[in-house]
């Protein structure tokens, strides 16, 4: 099998409804950050903009830039 033939397919994910197993497919989002995103939603309600993701511990401006094209609200 060629090296380039296996690719992770990342779909657009709604951060207000996604489950942990969906969130971990996002760039720079592992199980801990996925849990933090879910906990943030539970504590503060839905994200009103993609920029609100920076309010989640572990997501800074650089990570947000990597996430932008893969997430929606």
PDB file of N, CA and C in Angstrom:
ATOM      1  N   UNK A   1       0.838  -1.180   0.000  1.00  0.00           N
ATOM      2  CA  UNK A   1       0.000   0.000   0.000  1.00  0.00           C
ATOM      3  C   UNK A   1       0.886   1.248   0.000  1.00  0.00           C
ATOM      4  N   UNK A   2       0.568   2.189  -0.850  1.00  0.00           N
ATOM      5  CA  UNK A   2       1.357   3.415  -0.909  1.00  0.00           C
ATOM      6  C   UNK A   2       1.111   4.267   0.322  1.00  0.00           C
ATOM      7  N   UNK A   3       2.134   5.024   0.705  1.00  0.00           N
ATOM      8  CA  UNK A   3       2.060   5.862   1.904  1.00  0.00           C
ATOM      9  C   UNK A   3       0.943   6.888   1.823  1.00  0.00           C
ATOM     10  N   UNK A   4       0.726   7.482   0.674  1.00  0.00           N
ATOM     11  CA  UNK A   4      -0.281   8.524   0.530  1.00  0.00           C
ATOM     12  C   UNK A   4      -1.696   8.006   0.337  1.00  0.00           C
ATOM     13  N   UNK A   5      -1.865   6.703   0.271  1.00  0.00           N
ATOM     14  CA  UNK A   5      -3.191   6.172  -0.023  1.00  0.00           C
ATOM     15  C   UNK A   5      -4.120   6.112   1.197  1.00  0.00           C
ATOM     16  N   UNK A   6      -3.553   6.214   2.387  1.00  0.00           N
ATOM     17  CA  UNK A   6      -4.383   6.231   3.593  1.00  0.00           C
ATOM     18  C   UNK A   6      -4.422   7.654   4.112  1.00  0.00           C
ATOM     19  N   UNK A   7      -5.632   8.212   4.142  1.00  0.00           N
ATOM     20  CA  UNK A   7      -5.802   9.582   4.631  1.00  0.00           C
ATOM     21  C   UNK A   7      -6.960   9.599   5.602  1.00  0.00           C
ATOM     22  N   UNK A   8      -6.795  10.389   6.652  1.00  0.00           N
ATOM     23  CA  UNK A   8      -7.918  10.599   7.556  1.00  0.00           C
ATOM     24  C   UNK A   8      -8.881  11.541   6.873  1.00  0.00           C
ATOM     25  N   UNK A   9     -10.120  11.159   6.799  1.00  0.00           N
ATOM     26  CA  UNK A   9     -11.111  12.041   6.211  1.00  0.00           C
ATOM     27  C   UNK A   9     -11.748  12.835   7.342  1.00  0.00           C
ATOM     28  N   UNK A  10     -11.559  14.132   7.301  1.00  0.00           N
ATOM     29  CA  UNK A  10     -12.143  14.995   8.322  1.00  0.00           C
ATOM     30  C   UNK A  10     -13.311  15.725   7.688  1.00  0.00           C
ATOM     31  N   UNK A  11     -14.464  15.541   8.268  1.00  0.00           N
ATOM     32  CA  UNK A  11     -15.654  16.235   7.802  1.00  0.00           C
ATOM     33  C   UNK A  11     -15.836  17.497   8.629  1.00  0.00           C
ATOM     34  N   UNK A  12     -16.741  18.348   8.198  1.00  0.00           N
ATOM     35  CA  UNK A  12     -17.074  19.528   8.974  1.00  0.00           C
ATOM     36  C   UNK A  12     -17.872  19.067  10.194  1.00  0.00           C
ATOM     37  N   UNK A  13     -17.395  19.466  11.354  1.00  0.00           N
ATOM     38  CA  UNK A  13     -17.994  19.015  12.606  1.00  0.00           C
ATOM     39  C   UNK A  13     -18.624  20.195  13.336  1.00  0.00           C
ATOM     40  N   UNK A  14     -19.859  20.000  13.774  1.00  0.00           N
ATOM     41  CA  UNK A  14     -20.545  21.017  14.560  1.00  0.00           C
ATOM     42  C   UNK A  14     -20.101  20.865  16.007  1.00  0.00           C
ATOM     43  N   UNK A  15     -19.364  21.855  16.513  1.00  0.00           N
ATOM     44  CA  UNK A  15     -18.827  21.760  17.870  1.00  0.00           C
ATOM     45  C   UNK A  15     -19.906  21.871  18.945  1.00  0.00           C
ATOM     46  N   UNK A  16     -21.101  22.289  18.563  1.00  0.00           N
ATOM     47  CA  UNK A  16     -22.186  22.386  19.531  1.00  0.00           C
ATOM     48  C   UNK A  16     -22.943  21.071  19.708  1.00  0.00           C
ATOM     49  N   UNK A  17     -22.753  20.134  18.792  1.00  0.00           N
ATOM     50  CA  UNK A  17     -23.485  18.871  18.880  1.00  0.00           C
ATOM     51  C   UNK A  17     -22.585  17.638  18.831  1.00  0.00           C
ATOM     52  N   UNK A  18     -21.322  17.821  18.488  1.00  0.00           N
ATOM     53  CA  UNK A  18     -20.422  16.678  18.296  1.00  0.00           C
ATOM     54  C   UNK A  18     -20.151  15.945  19.595  1.00  0.00           C
ATOM     55  N   UNK A  19     -20.021  14.632  19.463  1.00  0.00           N
ATOM     56  CA  UNK A  19     -19.652  13.785  20.594  1.00  0.00           C
ATOM     57  C   UNK A  19     -18.136  13.671  20.636  1.00  0.00           C
ATOM     58  N   UNK A  20     -17.639  13.157  21.742  1.00  0.00           N
ATOM     59  CA  UNK A  20     -16.193  13.029  21.941  1.00  0.00           C
ATOM     60  C   UNK A  20     -15.514  12.284  20.803  1.00  0.00           C
ATOM     61  N   UNK A  21     -16.120  11.172  20.369  1.00  0.00           N
ATOM     62  CA  UNK A  21     -15.483  10.373  19.317  1.00  0.00           C
ATOM     63  C   UNK A  21     -15.423  11.092  17.976  1.00  0.00           C
ATOM     64  N   UNK A  22     -16.242  12.121  17.794  1.00  0.00           N
ATOM     65  CA  UNK A  22     -16.168  12.944  16.575  1.00  0.00           C
ATOM     66  C   UNK A  22     -15.122  14.035  16.740  1.00  0.00           C
ATOM     67  N   UNK A  23     -15.083  14.653  17.910  1.00  0.00           N
ATOM     68  CA  UNK A  23     -14.174  15.773  18.149  1.00  0.00           C
ATOM     69  C   UNK A  23     -12.706  15.362  18.076  1.00  0.00           C
ATOM     70  N   UNK A  24     -12.390  14.136  18.465  1.00  0.00           N
ATOM     71  CA  UNK A  24     -10.978  13.731  18.492  1.00  0.00           C
ATOM     72  C   UNK A  24     -10.370  13.588  17.096  1.00  0.00           C
ATOM     73  N   UNK A  25     -11.190  13.603  16.058  1.00  0.00           N
ATOM     74  CA  UNK A  25     -10.660  13.561  14.690  1.00  0.00           C
ATOM     75  C   UNK A  25     -10.203  14.929  14.194  1.00  0.00           C
ATOM     76  N   UNK A  26     -10.506  15.972  14.965  1.00  0.00           N
ATOM     77  CA  UNK A  26     -10.073  17.319  14.584  1.00  0.00           C
ATOM     78  C   UNK A  26      -8.578  17.482  14.829  1.00  0.00           C
ATOM     79  N   UNK A  27      -7.905  18.323  14.028  1.00  0.00           N
ATOM     80  CA  UNK A  27      -6.470  18.556  14.235  1.00  0.00           C
ATOM     81  C   UNK A  27      -6.210  19.123  15.630  1.00  0.00           C
ATOM     82  N   UNK A  28      -5.211  18.598  16.297  1.00  0.00           N
ATOM     83  CA  UNK A  28      -4.765  19.054  17.618  1.00  0.00           C
ATOM     84  C   UNK A  28      -5.803  18.858  18.720  1.00  0.00           C
ATOM     85  N   UNK A  29      -6.805  18.024  18.501  1.00  0.00           N
ATOM     86  CA  UNK A  29      -7.808  17.744  19.533  1.00  0.00           C
ATOM     87  C   UNK A  29      -7.714  16.264  19.889  1.00  0.00           C
ATOM     88  N   UNK A  30      -7.298  16.019  21.108  1.00  0.00           N
ATOM     89  CA  UNK A  30      -7.244  14.655  21.616  1.00  0.00           C
ATOM     90  C   UNK A  30      -8.398  14.427  22.572  1.00  0.00           C
ATOM     91  N   UNK A  31      -8.378  13.313  23.279  1.00  0.00           N
ATOM     92  CA  UNK A  31      -9.471  12.991  24.200  1.00  0.00           C
ATOM     93  C   UNK A  31      -9.687  14.035  25.295  1.00  0.00           C
ATOM     94  N   UNK A  32      -8.604  14.590  25.824  1.00  0.00           N
ATOM     95  CA  UNK A  32      -8.733  15.571  26.912  1.00  0.00           C
ATOM     96  C   UNK A  32      -9.368  16.861  26.399  1.00  0.00           C
ATOM     97  N   UNK A  33      -8.897  17.364  25.279  1.00  0.00           N
ATOM     98  CA  UNK A  33      -9.464  18.596  24.729  1.00  0.00           C
ATOM     99  C   UNK A  33     -10.906  18.372  24.294  1.00  0.00           C
ATOM    100  N   UNK A  34     -11.213  17.217  23.751  1.00  0.00           N
ATOM    101  CA  UNK A  34     -12.592  16.895  23.369  1.00  0.00           C
ATOM    102  C   UNK A  34     -13.501  16.956  24.600  1.00  0.00           C
ATOM    103  N   UNK A  35     -13.046  16.389  25.707  1.00  0.00           N
ATOM    104  CA  UNK A  35     -13.822  16.439  26.962  1.00  0.00           C
ATOM    105  C   UNK A  35     -14.005  17.880  27.419  1.00  0.00           C
ATOM    106  N   UNK A  36     -12.972  18.700  27.270  1.00  0.00           N
ATOM    107  CA  UNK A  36     -13.061  20.111  27.681  1.00  0.00           C
ATOM    108  C   UNK A  36     -14.079  20.866  26.830  1.00  0.00           C
ATOM    109  N   UNK A  37     -14.126  20.567  25.543  1.00  0.00           N
ATOM    110  CA  UNK A  37     -15.108  21.206  24.660  1.00  0.00           C
ATOM    111  C   UNK A  37     -16.517  20.842  25.109  1.00  0.00           C
ATOM    112  N   UNK A  38     -16.735  19.569  25.398  1.00  0.00           N
ATOM    113  CA  UNK A  38     -18.051  19.110  25.840  1.00  0.00           C
ATOM    114  C   UNK A  38     -18.405  19.720  27.192  1.00  0.00           C
ATOM    115  N   UNK A  39     -17.459  19.735  28.112  1.00  0.00           N
ATOM    116  CA  UNK A  39     -17.694  20.315  29.433  1.00  0.00           C
ATOM    117  C   UNK A  39     -18.019  21.807  29.319  1.00  0.00           C
ATOM    118  N   UNK A  40     -17.319  22.510  28.432  1.00  0.00           N
ATOM    119  CA  UNK A  40     -17.590  23.934  28.224  1.00  0.00           C
ATOM    120  C   UNK A  40     -19.034  24.132  27.765  1.00  0.00           C
ATOM    121  N   UNK A  41     -19.477  23.322  26.818  1.00  0.00           N
ATOM    122  CA  UNK A  41     -20.863  23.405  26.328  1.00  0.00           C
ATOM    123  C   UNK A  41     -21.850  23.177  27.456  1.00  0.00           C
ATOM    124  N   UNK A  42     -21.574  22.189  28.286  1.00  0.00           N
ATOM    125  CA  UNK A  42     -22.483  21.868  29.385  1.00  0.00           C
ATOM    126  C   UNK A  42     -22.532  22.992  30.413  1.00  0.00           C
ATOM    127  N   UNK A  43     -21.384  23.619  30.682  1.00  0.00           N
ATOM    128  CA  UNK A  43     -21.301  24.657  31.709  1.00  0.00           C
ATOM    129  C   UNK A  43     -21.776  26.026  31.232  1.00  0.00           C
ATOM    130  N   UNK A  44     -21.493  26.367  29.969  1.00  0.00           N
ATOM    131  CA  UNK A  44     -21.747  27.722  29.488  1.00  0.00           C
ATOM    132  C   UNK A  44     -22.732  27.807  28.328  1.00  0.00           C
ATOM    133  N   UNK A  45     -23.211  26.687  27.857  1.00  0.00           N
ATOM    134  CA  UNK A  45     -24.126  26.689  26.717  1.00  0.00           C
ATOM    135  C   UNK A  45     -23.357  26.568  25.416  1.00  0.00           C
ATOM    136  N   UNK A  46     -24.089  26.662  24.330  1.00  0.00           N
ATOM    137  CA  UNK A  46     -23.495  26.457  23.012  1.00  0.00           C
ATOM    138  C   UNK A  46     -22.496  27.554  22.659  1.00  0.00           C
ATOM    139  N   UNK A  47     -21.593  27.201  21.782  1.00  0.00           N
ATOM    140  CA  UNK A  47     -20.651  28.187  21.255  1.00  0.00           C
ATOM    141  C   UNK A  47     -21.416  29.096  20.305  1.00  0.00           C
ATOM    142  N   UNK A  48     -21.231  30.394  20.465  1.00  0.00           N
ATOM    143  CA  UNK A  48     -21.926  31.353  19.603  1.00  0.00           C
ATOM    144  C   UNK A  48     -21.099  31.711  18.370  1.00  0.00           C
ATOM    145  N   UNK A  49     -19.794  31.501  18.459  1.00  0.00           N
ATOM    146  CA  UNK A  49     -18.918  31.692  17.299  1.00  0.00           C
ATOM    147  C   UNK A  49     -17.750  30.715  17.414  1.00  0.00           C
ATOM    148  N   UNK A  50     -17.098  30.476  16.317  1.00  0.00           N
ATOM    149  CA  UNK A  50     -15.948  29.578  16.318  1.00  0.00           C
ATOM    150  C   UNK A  50     -14.841  30.138  17.201  1.00  0.00           C
ATOM    151  N   UNK A  51     -14.727  31.465  17.255  1.00  0.00           N
ATOM    152  CA  UNK A  51     -13.715  32.100  18.099  1.00  0.00           C
ATOM    153  C   UNK A  51     -13.896  31.763  19.575  1.00  0.00           C
ATOM    154  N   UNK A  52     -15.107  31.403  19.993  1.00  0.00           N
ATOM    155  CA  UNK A  52     -15.349  31.025  21.389  1.00  0.00           C
ATOM    156  C   UNK A  52     -14.562  29.785  21.797  1.00  0.00           C
ATOM    157  N   UNK A  53     -14.099  29.007  20.841  1.00  0.00           N
ATOM    158  CA  UNK A  53     -13.298  27.815  21.165  1.00  0.00           C
ATOM    159  C   UNK A  53     -12.030  28.179  21.931  1.00  0.00           C
ATOM    160  N   UNK A  54     -11.536  29.406  21.771  1.00  0.00           N
ATOM    161  CA  UNK A  54     -10.328  29.808  22.502  1.00  0.00           C
ATOM    162  C   UNK A  54     -10.599  29.931  24.002  1.00  0.00           C
ATOM    163  N   UNK A  55     -11.853  29.908  24.398  1.00  0.00           N
ATOM    164  CA  UNK A  55     -12.194  29.936  25.823  1.00  0.00           C
ATOM    165  C   UNK A  55     -12.030  28.558  26.461  1.00  0.00           C
ATOM    166  N   UNK A  56     -11.804  27.541  25.645  1.00  0.00           N
ATOM    167  CA  UNK A  56     -11.566  26.173  26.124  1.00  0.00           C
ATOM    168  C   UNK A  56     -10.071  26.026  26.392  1.00  0.00           C
ATOM    169  N   UNK A  57      -9.734  25.547  27.593  1.00  0.00           N
ATOM    170  CA  UNK A  57      -8.332  25.358  27.948  1.00  0.00           C
ATOM    171  C   UNK A  57      -7.671  24.426  26.940  1.00  0.00           C
ATOM    172  N   UNK A  58      -6.520  24.838  26.427  1.00  0.00           N
ATOM    173  CA  UNK A  58      -5.787  24.024  25.466  1.00  0.00           C
ATOM    174  C   UNK A  58      -5.997  24.433  24.017  1.00  0.00           C
ATOM    175  N   UNK A  59      -6.931  25.355  23.785  1.00  0.00           N
ATOM    176  CA  UNK A  59      -7.145  25.842  22.420  1.00  0.00           C
ATOM    177  C   UNK A  59      -6.780  27.325  22.383  1.00  0.00           C
ATOM    178  N   UNK A  60      -5.666  27.591  21.741  1.00  0.00           N
ATOM    179  CA  UNK A  60      -5.205  28.961  21.581  1.00  0.00           C
ATOM    180  C   UNK A  60      -5.389  29.405  20.143  1.00  0.00           C
ATOM    181  N   UNK A  61      -4.901  30.590  19.821  1.00  0.00           N
ATOM    182  CA  UNK A  61      -5.064  31.128  18.466  1.00  0.00           C
ATOM    183  C   UNK A  61      -4.496  30.223  17.363  1.00  0.00           C
ATOM    184  N   UNK A  62      -3.349  29.598  17.591  1.00  0.00           N
ATOM    185  CA  UNK A  62      -2.749  28.747  16.556  1.00  0.00           C
ATOM    186  C   UNK A  62      -3.593  27.499  16.316  1.00  0.00           C
ATOM    187  N   UNK A  63      -4.053  26.887  17.399  1.00  0.00           N
ATOM    188  CA  UNK A  63      -4.911  25.707  17.256  1.00  0.00           C
ATOM    189  C   UNK A  63      -6.223  26.089  16.597  1.00  0.00           C
ATOM    190  N   UNK A  64      -6.780  27.221  16.993  1.00  0.00           N
ATOM    191  CA  UNK A  64      -8.030  27.677  16.392  1.00  0.00           C
ATOM    192  C   UNK A  64      -7.878  27.845  14.885  1.00  0.00           C
ATOM    193  N   UNK A  65      -6.763  28.406  14.439  1.00  0.00           N
ATOM    194  CA  UNK A  65      -6.527  28.568  13.000  1.00  0.00           C
ATOM    195  C   UNK A  65      -6.539  27.232  12.273  1.00  0.00           C
ATOM    196  N   UNK A  66      -5.991  26.173  12.925  1.00  0.00           N
ATOM    197  CA  UNK A  66      -5.981  24.843  12.317  1.00  0.00           C
ATOM    198  C   UNK A  66      -7.385  24.230  12.284  1.00  0.00           C
ATOM    199  N   UNK A  67      -8.219  24.605  13.248  1.00  0.00           N
ATOM    200  CA  UNK A  67      -9.564  24.030  13.359  1.00  0.00           C
ATOM    201  C   UNK A  67     -10.582  24.693  12.453  1.00  0.00           C
ATOM    202  N   UNK A  68     -10.398  25.960  12.147  1.00  0.00           N
ATOM    203  CA  UNK A  68     -11.424  26.762  11.457  1.00  0.00           C
ATOM    204  C   UNK A  68     -12.092  26.083  10.266  1.00  0.00           C
ATOM    205  N   UNK A  69     -11.311  25.454   9.405  1.00  0.00           N
ATOM    206  CA  UNK A  69     -11.905  24.890   8.201  1.00  0.00           C
ATOM    207  C   UNK A  69     -12.612  23.565   8.443  1.00  0.00           C
ATOM    208  N   UNK A  70     -12.524  23.042   9.657  1.00  0.00           N
ATOM    209  CA  UNK A  70     -13.144  21.750   9.967  1.00  0.00           C
ATOM    210  C   UNK A  70     -14.346  21.844  10.912  1.00  0.00           C
ATOM    211  N   UNK A  71     -14.624  23.038  11.445  1.00  0.00           N
ATOM    212  CA  UNK A  71     -15.707  23.158  12.428  1.00  0.00           C
ATOM    213  C   UNK A  71     -16.749  24.178  12.006  1.00  0.00           C
ATOM    214  N   UNK A  72     -17.930  23.973  12.544  1.00  0.00           N
ATOM    215  CA  UNK A  72     -19.036  24.909  12.359  1.00  0.00           C
ATOM    216  C   UNK A  72     -19.800  24.975  13.670  1.00  0.00           C
ATOM    217  N   UNK A  73     -20.689  25.967  13.757  1.00  0.00           N
ATOM    218  CA  UNK A  73     -21.517  26.074  14.964  1.00  0.00           C
ATOM    219  C   UNK A  73     -22.980  25.949  14.611  1.00  0.00           C
TER     220      UNK A  73
END
